[in-house]
Amino acid sequence: MQAIISICNSVFKESLHGQLFYGLLVFLCVYLGFCVYISSLSLGQVERVIANSGMLGISLLGLGCTILFGLYSLYQERDRNELYILTSRIPRSHYLLGRFLGTAVITAFFILIMTIGIFLLTWIIGKAPFFGVFFQAYMTMIEFSMLLAIGIFFYTLGIGFTLNAFLTLAVYILGHSFNEAIESFLAMGSLGSPIYLHTIKILSYLLPNFDLFDFRLLLIHGQPVAMGNLALSTAYGIMYLAMMMMLAIDRMNKSDL
């Protein structure tokens, strides 16, 4: 356990002193300014415009942290031959778990800053504090923890960073497309191909369904979120990322460094 915490702390501290950290911090500030600019163009409902664009920014920030801090740093460590040294001293499972937790902490750090920024903007400029942004930030954190675990699993397969980033991004896009795809085929009725419909349903069971973590429309329109949906989404996210991390650890233990 001590090794996991040490790797986690090392990843977090390394992230704080890297150029990627300052780059994402600049993006965060610029995006908050963009939210203010967009809200100035709206005809009323300023707080909704800020909240909606802000929650989109939280997702973009989470995606950036996952690929840059989570995956790119992994490959950098391997290219610097630090991976072999570390895994010769600690179990490989502890290394992966430490990397995962360290990236999750830095991602949570950025998401928290963005969330507080959006909340303050809706309060100060929109005159209506939007507390729902904290709920969506929690869902986004679980969502990108899952995506990070998937990216780590791809890493253990021995593929390069570029392909890994592409596959991770593809999984993210597909994870937000299954519900719409299934509804479209169902709307087509007899004109739709049952083979394509079943294929999409099978993929929706194998790949993560990120739509379970998207409550933006409900929150923007002030509709209540059922606690059952919150519990289901949380349990689904935890079980999926646990499964992916177990697969990644098993693959890492069997691979040659």
C-alpha atoms as a PDB file:
ATOM      1  CA  MET A   1       0.000   0.000   0.000  1.00  0.00           C
ATOM      2  CA  GLN A   2       2.885   2.348   0.788  1.00  0.00           C
ATOM      3  CA  ALA A   3       4.260   1.854  -2.720  1.00  0.00           C
ATOM      4  CA  ILE A   4       0.921   2.803  -4.277  1.00  0.00           C
ATOM      5  CA  ILE A   5       0.739   6.005  -2.219  1.00  0.00           C
ATOM      6  CA  SER A   6       4.360   6.864  -3.070  1.00  0.00           C
ATOM      7  CA  ILE A   7       3.742   6.449  -6.816  1.00  0.00           C
ATOM      8  CA  CYS A   8       0.526   8.475  -6.497  1.00  0.00           C
ATOM      9  CA  ASN A   9       2.336  11.325  -4.729  1.00  0.00           C
ATOM     10  CA  SER A  10       5.154  11.206  -7.271  1.00  0.00           C
ATOM     11  CA  VAL A  11       2.729  11.432 -10.194  1.00  0.00           C
ATOM     12  CA  PHE A  12       0.851  14.327  -8.596  1.00  0.00           C
ATOM     13  CA  LYS A  13       3.985  16.323  -7.775  1.00  0.00           C
ATOM     14  CA  GLU A  14       5.478  15.659 -11.209  1.00  0.00           C
ATOM     15  CA  SER A  15       2.260  16.860 -12.830  1.00  0.00           C
ATOM     16  CA  LEU A  16       2.280  20.082 -10.799  1.00  0.00           C
ATOM     17  CA  HIS A  17       5.754  21.023 -12.037  1.00  0.00           C
ATOM     18  CA  GLY A  18       5.331  20.054 -15.685  1.00  0.00           C
ATOM     19  CA  GLN A  19       4.533  22.258 -18.653  1.00  0.00           C
ATOM     20  CA  LEU A  20       1.297  20.342 -19.233  1.00  0.00           C
ATOM     21  CA  PHE A  21      -0.003  21.581 -15.892  1.00  0.00           C
ATOM     22  CA  TYR A  22       0.466  25.238 -16.822  1.00  0.00           C
ATOM     23  CA  GLY A  23      -0.901  24.621 -20.300  1.00  0.00           C
ATOM     24  CA  LEU A  24      -4.140  23.165 -18.957  1.00  0.00           C
ATOM     25  CA  LEU A  25      -4.314  25.924 -16.354  1.00  0.00           C
ATOM     26  CA  VAL A  26      -4.166  28.509 -19.151  1.00  0.00           C
ATOM     27  CA  PHE A  27      -6.864  26.581 -21.046  1.00  0.00           C
ATOM     28  CA  LEU A  28      -9.026  26.612 -17.922  1.00  0.00           C
ATOM     29  CA  CYS A  29      -8.716  30.383 -17.510  1.00  0.00           C
ATOM     30  CA  VAL A  30      -9.317  31.063 -21.204  1.00  0.00           C
ATOM     31  CA  TYR A  31     -12.370  28.808 -21.224  1.00  0.00           C
ATOM     32  CA  LEU A  32     -13.868  30.573 -18.225  1.00  0.00           C
ATOM     33  CA  GLY A  33     -13.404  33.835 -20.106  1.00  0.00           C
ATOM     34  CA  PHE A  34     -15.067  32.239 -23.124  1.00  0.00           C
ATOM     35  CA  CYS A  35     -18.063  31.299 -20.959  1.00  0.00           C
ATOM     36  CA  VAL A  36     -18.391  34.919 -19.867  1.00  0.00           C
ATOM     37  CA  TYR A  37     -18.202  36.108 -23.494  1.00  0.00           C
ATOM     38  CA  ILE A  38     -20.807  33.609 -24.689  1.00  0.00           C
ATOM     39  CA  SER A  39     -23.149  34.574 -21.863  1.00  0.00           C
ATOM     40  CA  SER A  40     -22.923  38.236 -22.911  1.00  0.00           C
ATOM     41  CA  LEU A  41     -24.341  37.292 -26.315  1.00  0.00           C
ATOM     42  CA  SER A  42     -27.344  35.468 -24.886  1.00  0.00           C
ATOM     43  CA  LEU A  43     -30.782  37.015 -24.576  1.00  0.00           C
ATOM     44  CA  GLY A  44     -31.514  36.286 -20.942  1.00  0.00           C
ATOM     45  CA  GLN A  45     -30.857  33.057 -19.026  1.00  0.00           C
ATOM     46  CA  VAL A  46     -27.217  34.016 -18.566  1.00  0.00           C
ATOM     47  CA  GLU A  47     -26.693  31.484 -15.789  1.00  0.00           C
ATOM     48  CA  ARG A  48     -27.930  28.642 -18.035  1.00  0.00           C
ATOM     49  CA  VAL A  49     -25.536  29.579 -20.824  1.00  0.00           C
ATOM     50  CA  ILE A  50     -22.603  29.745 -18.419  1.00  0.00           C
ATOM     51  CA  ALA A  51     -23.577  26.483 -16.728  1.00  0.00           C
ATOM     52  CA  ASN A  52     -24.127  24.597 -19.995  1.00  0.00           C
ATOM     53  CA  SER A  53     -20.907  25.761 -21.645  1.00  0.00           C
ATOM     54  CA  GLY A  54     -19.050  25.336 -18.354  1.00  0.00           C
ATOM     55  CA  MET A  55     -20.085  21.695 -17.943  1.00  0.00           C
ATOM     56  CA  LEU A  56     -18.907  21.060 -21.498  1.00  0.00           C
ATOM     57  CA  GLY A  57     -15.587  22.638 -20.533  1.00  0.00           C
ATOM     58  CA  ILE A  58     -15.329  20.307 -17.532  1.00  0.00           C
ATOM     59  CA  SER A  59     -15.624  17.335 -19.887  1.00  0.00           C
ATOM     60  CA  LEU A  60     -12.971  18.754 -22.240  1.00  0.00           C
ATOM     61  CA  LEU A  61     -10.679  19.342 -19.275  1.00  0.00           C
ATOM     62  CA  GLY A  62     -11.222  15.796 -18.024  1.00  0.00           C
ATOM     63  CA  LEU A  63     -10.417  14.408 -21.453  1.00  0.00           C
ATOM     64  CA  GLY A  64      -7.242  16.455 -21.655  1.00  0.00           C
ATOM     65  CA  CYS A  65      -6.079  15.320 -18.217  1.00  0.00           C
ATOM     66  CA  THR A  66      -6.777  11.682 -19.063  1.00  0.00           C
ATOM     67  CA  ILE A  67      -4.763  11.698 -22.291  1.00  0.00           C
ATOM     68  CA  LEU A  68      -1.946  14.054 -21.267  1.00  0.00           C
ATOM     69  CA  PHE A  69      -1.373  13.357 -17.576  1.00  0.00           C
ATOM     70  CA  GLY A  70      -2.608   9.780 -17.667  1.00  0.00           C
ATOM     71  CA  LEU A  71      -1.343   8.313 -20.925  1.00  0.00           C
ATOM     72  CA  TYR A  72       1.384  10.623 -22.228  1.00  0.00           C
ATOM     73  CA  SER A  73       3.192  10.574 -18.883  1.00  0.00           C
ATOM     74  CA  LEU A  74       3.084   6.780 -18.854  1.00  0.00           C
ATOM     75  CA  TYR A  75       4.822   6.575 -22.204  1.00  0.00           C
ATOM     76  CA  GLN A  76       7.333   9.243 -21.206  1.00  0.00           C
ATOM     77  CA  GLU A  77       8.281   7.231 -18.137  1.00  0.00           C
ATOM     78  CA  ARG A  78       8.762   4.141 -20.250  1.00  0.00           C
ATOM     79  CA  ASP A  79      10.852   5.986 -22.827  1.00  0.00           C
ATOM     80  CA  ARG A  80      13.103   7.328 -20.061  1.00  0.00           C
ATOM     81  CA  ASN A  81      13.673   3.721 -18.916  1.00  0.00           C
ATOM     82  CA  GLU A  82      12.222   4.579 -15.511  1.00  0.00           C
ATOM     83  CA  LEU A  83       9.539   1.909 -15.834  1.00  0.00           C
ATOM     84  CA  TYR A  84      12.021  -0.967 -15.598  1.00  0.00           C
ATOM     85  CA  ILE A  85      13.687   0.537 -12.517  1.00  0.00           C
ATOM     86  CA  LEU A  86      10.401   1.125 -10.712  1.00  0.00           C
ATOM     87  CA  THR A  87       8.904  -2.286 -11.470  1.00  0.00           C
ATOM     88  CA  SER A  88      12.096  -3.982 -10.324  1.00  0.00           C
ATOM     89  CA  ARG A  89      11.531  -2.523  -6.865  1.00  0.00           C
ATOM     90  CA  ILE A  90       7.757  -2.690  -6.483  1.00  0.00           C
ATOM     91  CA  PRO A  91       5.033  -5.001  -7.858  1.00  0.00           C
ATOM     92  CA  ARG A  92       3.701  -4.023 -11.265  1.00  0.00           C
ATOM     93  CA  SER A  93       0.167  -3.940  -9.901  1.00  0.00           C
ATOM     94  CA  HIS A  94       1.208  -1.303  -7.335  1.00  0.00           C
ATOM     95  CA  TYR A  95       2.833   0.731 -10.089  1.00  0.00           C
ATOM     96  CA  LEU A  96      -0.298   0.788 -12.251  1.00  0.00           C
ATOM     97  CA  LEU A  97      -2.587   1.528  -9.300  1.00  0.00           C
ATOM     98  CA  GLY A  98      -0.307   4.348  -8.176  1.00  0.00           C
ATOM     99  CA  ARG A  99      -0.256   5.840 -11.673  1.00  0.00           C
ATOM    100  CA  PHE A 100      -4.030   5.565 -11.882  1.00  0.00           C
ATOM    101  CA  LEU A 101      -4.627   7.225  -8.502  1.00  0.00           C
ATOM    102  CA  GLY A 102      -2.075   9.974  -9.167  1.00  0.00           C
ATOM    103  CA  THR A 103      -3.714  10.872 -12.478  1.00  0.00           C
ATOM    104  CA  ALA A 104      -7.172  10.690 -10.885  1.00  0.00           C
ATOM    105  CA  VAL A 105      -6.054  13.162  -8.197  1.00  0.00           C
ATOM    106  CA  ILE A 106      -4.656  15.705 -10.675  1.00  0.00           C
ATOM    107  CA  THR A 107      -7.791  15.310 -12.830  1.00  0.00           C
ATOM    108  CA  ALA A 108     -10.001  15.901  -9.785  1.00  0.00           C
ATOM    109  CA  PHE A 109      -7.888  18.965  -8.975  1.00  0.00           C
ATOM    110  CA  PHE A 110      -8.527  20.555 -12.371  1.00  0.00           C
ATOM    111  CA  ILE A 111     -12.193  19.583 -12.431  1.00  0.00           C
ATOM    112  CA  LEU A 112     -12.682  21.096  -8.974  1.00  0.00           C
ATOM    113  CA  ILE A 113     -11.100  24.402 -10.025  1.00  0.00           C
ATOM    114  CA  MET A 114     -13.230  24.557 -13.175  1.00  0.00           C
ATOM    115  CA  THR A 115     -16.359  23.650 -11.210  1.00  0.00           C
ATOM    116  CA  ILE A 116     -15.776  26.365  -8.610  1.00  0.00           C
ATOM    117  CA  GLY A 117     -15.086  28.853 -11.401  1.00  0.00           C
ATOM    118  CA  ILE A 118     -18.349  28.020 -13.189  1.00  0.00           C
ATOM    119  CA  PHE A 119     -20.297  28.170  -9.936  1.00  0.00           C
ATOM    120  CA  LEU A 120     -18.895  31.619  -9.115  1.00  0.00           C
ATOM    121  CA  LEU A 121     -19.632  32.895 -12.621  1.00  0.00           C
ATOM    122  CA  THR A 122     -23.268  31.765 -12.437  1.00  0.00           C
ATOM    123  CA  TRP A 123     -23.519  33.393  -9.016  1.00  0.00           C
ATOM    124  CA  ILE A 124     -21.780  36.698  -9.776  1.00  0.00           C
ATOM    125  CA  ILE A 125     -22.715  37.266 -13.423  1.00  0.00           C
ATOM    126  CA  GLY A 126     -25.867  35.180 -13.764  1.00  0.00           C
ATOM    127  CA  LYS A 127     -27.213  36.199 -10.327  1.00  0.00           C
ATOM    128  CA  ALA A 128     -28.374  32.597  -9.860  1.00  0.00           C
ATOM    129  CA  PRO A 129     -25.839  30.151  -8.351  1.00  0.00           C
ATOM    130  CA  PHE A 130     -25.965  26.836 -10.191  1.00  0.00           C
ATOM    131  CA  PHE A 131     -25.309  24.110  -7.613  1.00  0.00           C
ATOM    132  CA  GLY A 132     -25.955  21.386 -10.174  1.00  0.00           C
ATOM    133  CA  VAL A 133     -22.465  21.904 -11.608  1.00  0.00           C
ATOM    134  CA  PHE A 134     -21.004  20.115  -8.559  1.00  0.00           C
ATOM    135  CA  PHE A 135     -23.218  17.098  -9.207  1.00  0.00           C
ATOM    136  CA  GLN A 136     -22.197  16.929 -12.871  1.00  0.00           C
ATOM    137  CA  ALA A 137     -18.541  17.351 -11.875  1.00  0.00           C
ATOM    138  CA  TYR A 138     -18.858  14.267  -9.660  1.00  0.00           C
ATOM    139  CA  MET A 139     -20.324  12.290 -12.554  1.00  0.00           C
ATOM    140  CA  THR A 140     -17.610  13.562 -14.891  1.00  0.00           C
ATOM    141  CA  MET A 141     -14.907  12.440 -12.469  1.00  0.00           C
ATOM    142  CA  ILE A 142     -16.268   8.884 -12.447  1.00  0.00           C
ATOM    143  CA  GLU A 143     -16.613   8.949 -16.230  1.00  0.00           C
ATOM    144  CA  PHE A 144     -13.006   9.914 -16.865  1.00  0.00           C
ATOM    145  CA  SER A 145     -11.717   7.543 -14.198  1.00  0.00           C
ATOM    146  CA  MET A 146     -13.271   4.802 -16.310  1.00  0.00           C
ATOM    147  CA  LEU A 147     -11.721   6.227 -19.471  1.00  0.00           C
ATOM    148  CA  LEU A 148      -8.329   6.421 -17.766  1.00  0.00           C
ATOM    149  CA  ALA A 149      -8.555   2.756 -16.767  1.00  0.00           C
ATOM    150  CA  ILE A 150      -9.353   1.866 -20.382  1.00  0.00           C
ATOM    151  CA  GLY A 151      -6.370   3.876 -21.616  1.00  0.00           C
ATOM    152  CA  ILE A 152      -4.091   2.140 -19.108  1.00  0.00           C
ATOM    153  CA  PHE A 153      -5.360  -1.216 -20.349  1.00  0.00           C
ATOM    154  CA  PHE A 154      -4.510  -0.224 -23.933  1.00  0.00           C
ATOM    155  CA  TYR A 155      -1.057   0.799 -22.675  1.00  0.00           C
ATOM    156  CA  THR A 156      -0.441  -2.671 -21.259  1.00  0.00           C
ATOM    157  CA  LEU A 157      -1.193  -4.142 -24.695  1.00  0.00           C
ATOM    158  CA  GLY A 158       2.047  -2.581 -25.932  1.00  0.00           C
ATOM    159  CA  ILE A 159       0.571  -0.134 -28.444  1.00  0.00           C
ATOM    160  CA  GLY A 160       2.070   3.311 -29.046  1.00  0.00           C
ATOM    161  CA  PHE A 161       0.857   6.563 -27.531  1.00  0.00           C
ATOM    162  CA  THR A 162      -0.724   7.950 -30.707  1.00  0.00           C
ATOM    163  CA  LEU A 163      -2.807   4.842 -31.317  1.00  0.00           C
ATOM    164  CA  ASN A 164      -3.696   4.630 -27.635  1.00  0.00           C
ATOM    165  CA  ALA A 165      -4.886   8.238 -27.585  1.00  0.00           C
ATOM    166  CA  PHE A 166      -6.929   7.626 -30.750  1.00  0.00           C
ATOM    167  CA  LEU A 167      -8.529   4.468 -29.352  1.00  0.00           C
ATOM    168  CA  THR A 168      -9.272   6.124 -26.022  1.00  0.00           C
ATOM    169  CA  LEU A 169     -10.893   9.076 -27.782  1.00  0.00           C
ATOM    170  CA  ALA A 170     -12.876   6.669 -29.996  1.00  0.00           C
ATOM    171  CA  VAL A 171     -14.153   4.802 -26.924  1.00  0.00           C
ATOM    172  CA  TYR A 172     -15.206   8.109 -25.385  1.00  0.00           C
ATOM    173  CA  ILE A 173     -17.116   9.168 -28.501  1.00  0.00           C
ATOM    174  CA  LEU A 174     -18.756   5.766 -28.918  1.00  0.00           C
ATOM    175  CA  GLY A 175     -19.688   5.734 -25.246  1.00  0.00           C
ATOM    176  CA  HIS A 176     -21.760   8.866 -25.841  1.00  0.00           C
ATOM    177  CA  SER A 177     -23.347   7.584 -29.060  1.00  0.00           C
ATOM    178  CA  PHE A 178     -24.968   4.239 -28.281  1.00  0.00           C
ATOM    179  CA  ASN A 179     -28.269   5.548 -26.949  1.00  0.00           C
ATOM    180  CA  GLU A 180     -28.787   7.789 -29.982  1.00  0.00           C
ATOM    181  CA  ALA A 181     -27.791   5.002 -32.374  1.00  0.00           C
ATOM    182  CA  ILE A 182     -30.197   2.499 -30.824  1.00  0.00           C
ATOM    183  CA  GLU A 183     -33.041   5.036 -30.768  1.00  0.00           C
ATOM    184  CA  SER A 184     -32.384   5.887 -34.428  1.00  0.00           C
ATOM    185  CA  PHE A 185     -32.577   2.243 -35.496  1.00  0.00           C
ATOM    186  CA  LEU A 186     -35.734   1.716 -33.452  1.00  0.00           C
ATOM    187  CA  ALA A 187     -37.308   4.803 -35.045  1.00  0.00           C
ATOM    188  CA  MET A 188     -36.613   3.369 -38.501  1.00  0.00           C
ATOM    189  CA  GLY A 189     -38.819   0.379 -37.690  1.00  0.00           C
ATOM    190  CA  SER A 190     -38.877  -2.265 -40.391  1.00  0.00           C
ATOM    191  CA  LEU A 191     -36.531  -0.200 -42.547  1.00  0.00           C
ATOM    192  CA  GLY A 192     -33.680  -0.629 -40.091  1.00  0.00           C
ATOM    193  CA  SER A 193     -31.288  -3.561 -40.336  1.00  0.00           C
ATOM    194  CA  PRO A 194     -31.678  -5.959 -37.384  1.00  0.00           C
ATOM    195  CA  ILE A 195     -28.056  -7.060 -37.811  1.00  0.00           C
ATOM    196  CA  TYR A 196     -26.771  -3.517 -37.285  1.00  0.00           C
ATOM    197  CA  LEU A 197     -29.149  -3.038 -34.355  1.00  0.00           C
ATOM    198  CA  HIS A 198     -27.934  -6.200 -32.599  1.00  0.00           C
ATOM    199  CA  THR A 199     -24.319  -5.289 -33.336  1.00  0.00           C
ATOM    200  CA  ILE A 200     -24.754  -1.900 -31.707  1.00  0.00           C
ATOM    201  CA  LYS A 201     -26.498  -3.463 -28.711  1.00  0.00           C
ATOM    202  CA  ILE A 202     -23.646  -5.936 -28.239  1.00  0.00           C
ATOM    203  CA  LEU A 203     -21.070  -3.135 -28.448  1.00  0.00           C
ATOM    204  CA  SER A 204     -23.080  -1.080 -25.962  1.00  0.00           C
ATOM    205  CA  TYR A 205     -22.717  -3.912 -23.435  1.00  0.00           C
ATOM    206  CA  LEU A 206     -18.977  -4.359 -24.038  1.00  0.00           C
ATOM    207  CA  LEU A 207     -17.946  -0.711 -24.257  1.00  0.00           C
ATOM    208  CA  PRO A 208     -18.755   1.808 -21.508  1.00  0.00           C
ATOM    209  CA  ASN A 209     -22.017   3.719 -21.719  1.00  0.00           C
ATOM    210  CA  PHE A 210     -20.963   7.243 -20.799  1.00  0.00           C
ATOM    211  CA  ASP A 211     -24.486   8.569 -21.295  1.00  0.00           C
ATOM    212  CA  LEU A 212     -25.225   7.218 -17.816  1.00  0.00           C
ATOM    213  CA  PHE A 213     -23.099  10.059 -16.440  1.00  0.00           C
ATOM    214  CA  ASP A 214     -24.589  12.900 -18.480  1.00  0.00           C
ATOM    215  CA  PHE A 215     -27.253  14.754 -16.469  1.00  0.00           C
ATOM    216  CA  ARG A 216     -26.642  18.159 -17.999  1.00  0.00           C
ATOM    217  CA  LEU A 217     -30.066  18.620 -19.598  1.00  0.00           C
ATOM    218  CA  LEU A 218     -31.883  17.661 -16.417  1.00  0.00           C
ATOM    219  CA  LEU A 219     -29.748  19.955 -14.303  1.00  0.00           C
ATOM    220  CA  ILE A 220     -29.967  22.910 -16.692  1.00  0.00           C
ATOM    221  CA  HIS A 221     -33.770  22.723 -16.709  1.00  0.00           C
ATOM    222  CA  GLY A 222     -33.983  22.286 -12.950  1.00  0.00           C
ATOM    223  CA  GLN A 223     -35.418  18.774 -13.064  1.00  0.00           C
ATOM    224  CA  PRO A 224     -34.689  16.427 -10.150  1.00  0.00           C
ATOM    225  CA  VAL A 225     -32.220  13.576 -10.535  1.00  0.00           C
ATOM    226  CA  ALA A 226     -33.424  10.297  -9.064  1.00  0.00           C
ATOM    227  CA  MET A 227     -31.157   8.908  -6.364  1.00  0.00           C
ATOM    228  CA  GLY A 228     -31.546   5.497  -7.968  1.00  0.00           C
ATOM    229  CA  ASN A 229     -29.943   6.800 -11.157  1.00  0.00           C
ATOM    230  CA  LEU A 230     -27.118   8.342  -9.147  1.00  0.00           C
ATOM    231  CA  ALA A 231     -26.452   5.067  -7.316  1.00  0.00           C
ATOM    232  CA  LEU A 232     -26.696   3.018 -10.527  1.00  0.00           C
ATOM    233  CA  SER A 233     -24.274   5.275 -12.416  1.00  0.00           C
ATOM    234  CA  THR A 234     -21.796   5.295  -9.538  1.00  0.00           C
ATOM    235  CA  ALA A 235     -21.880   1.513  -9.100  1.00  0.00           C
ATOM    236  CA  TYR A 236     -21.574   0.957 -12.855  1.00  0.00           C
ATOM    237  CA  GLY A 237     -18.589   3.284 -13.107  1.00  0.00           C
ATOM    238  CA  ILE A 238     -16.750   1.743 -10.154  1.00  0.00           C
ATOM    239  CA  MET A 239     -17.300  -1.823 -11.347  1.00  0.00           C
ATOM    240  CA  TYR A 240     -16.259  -1.034 -14.923  1.00  0.00           C
ATOM    241  CA  LEU A 241     -13.053   0.757 -13.976  1.00  0.00           C
ATOM    242  CA  ALA A 242     -12.226  -1.996 -11.454  1.00  0.00           C
ATOM    243  CA  MET A 243     -12.657  -4.594 -14.186  1.00  0.00           C
ATOM    244  CA  MET A 244     -10.447  -2.665 -16.603  1.00  0.00           C
ATOM    245  CA  MET A 245      -7.742  -2.166 -13.986  1.00  0.00           C
ATOM    246  CA  MET A 246      -7.756  -5.875 -13.160  1.00  0.00           C
ATOM    247  CA  LEU A 247      -7.375  -6.701 -16.855  1.00  0.00           C
ATOM    248  CA  ALA A 248      -4.561  -4.153 -17.154  1.00  0.00           C
ATOM    249  CA  ILE A 249      -2.741  -5.550 -14.113  1.00  0.00           C
ATOM    250  CA  ASP A 250      -3.090  -9.105 -15.379  1.00  0.00           C
ATOM    251  CA  ARG A 251      -1.752  -8.095 -18.780  1.00  0.00           C
ATOM    252  CA  MET A 252       1.094  -6.095 -17.209  1.00  0.00           C
ATOM    253  CA  ASN A 253       2.165  -9.044 -15.062  1.00  0.00           C
ATOM    254  CA  LYS A 254       2.343 -11.303 -18.104  1.00  0.00           C
ATOM    255  CA  SER A 255       4.151  -8.894 -20.440  1.00  0.00           C
ATOM    256  CA  ASP A 256       7.878  -8.396 -20.949  1.00  0.00           C
ATOM    257  CA  LEU A 257       9.133  -4.909 -20.185  1.00  0.00           C
END
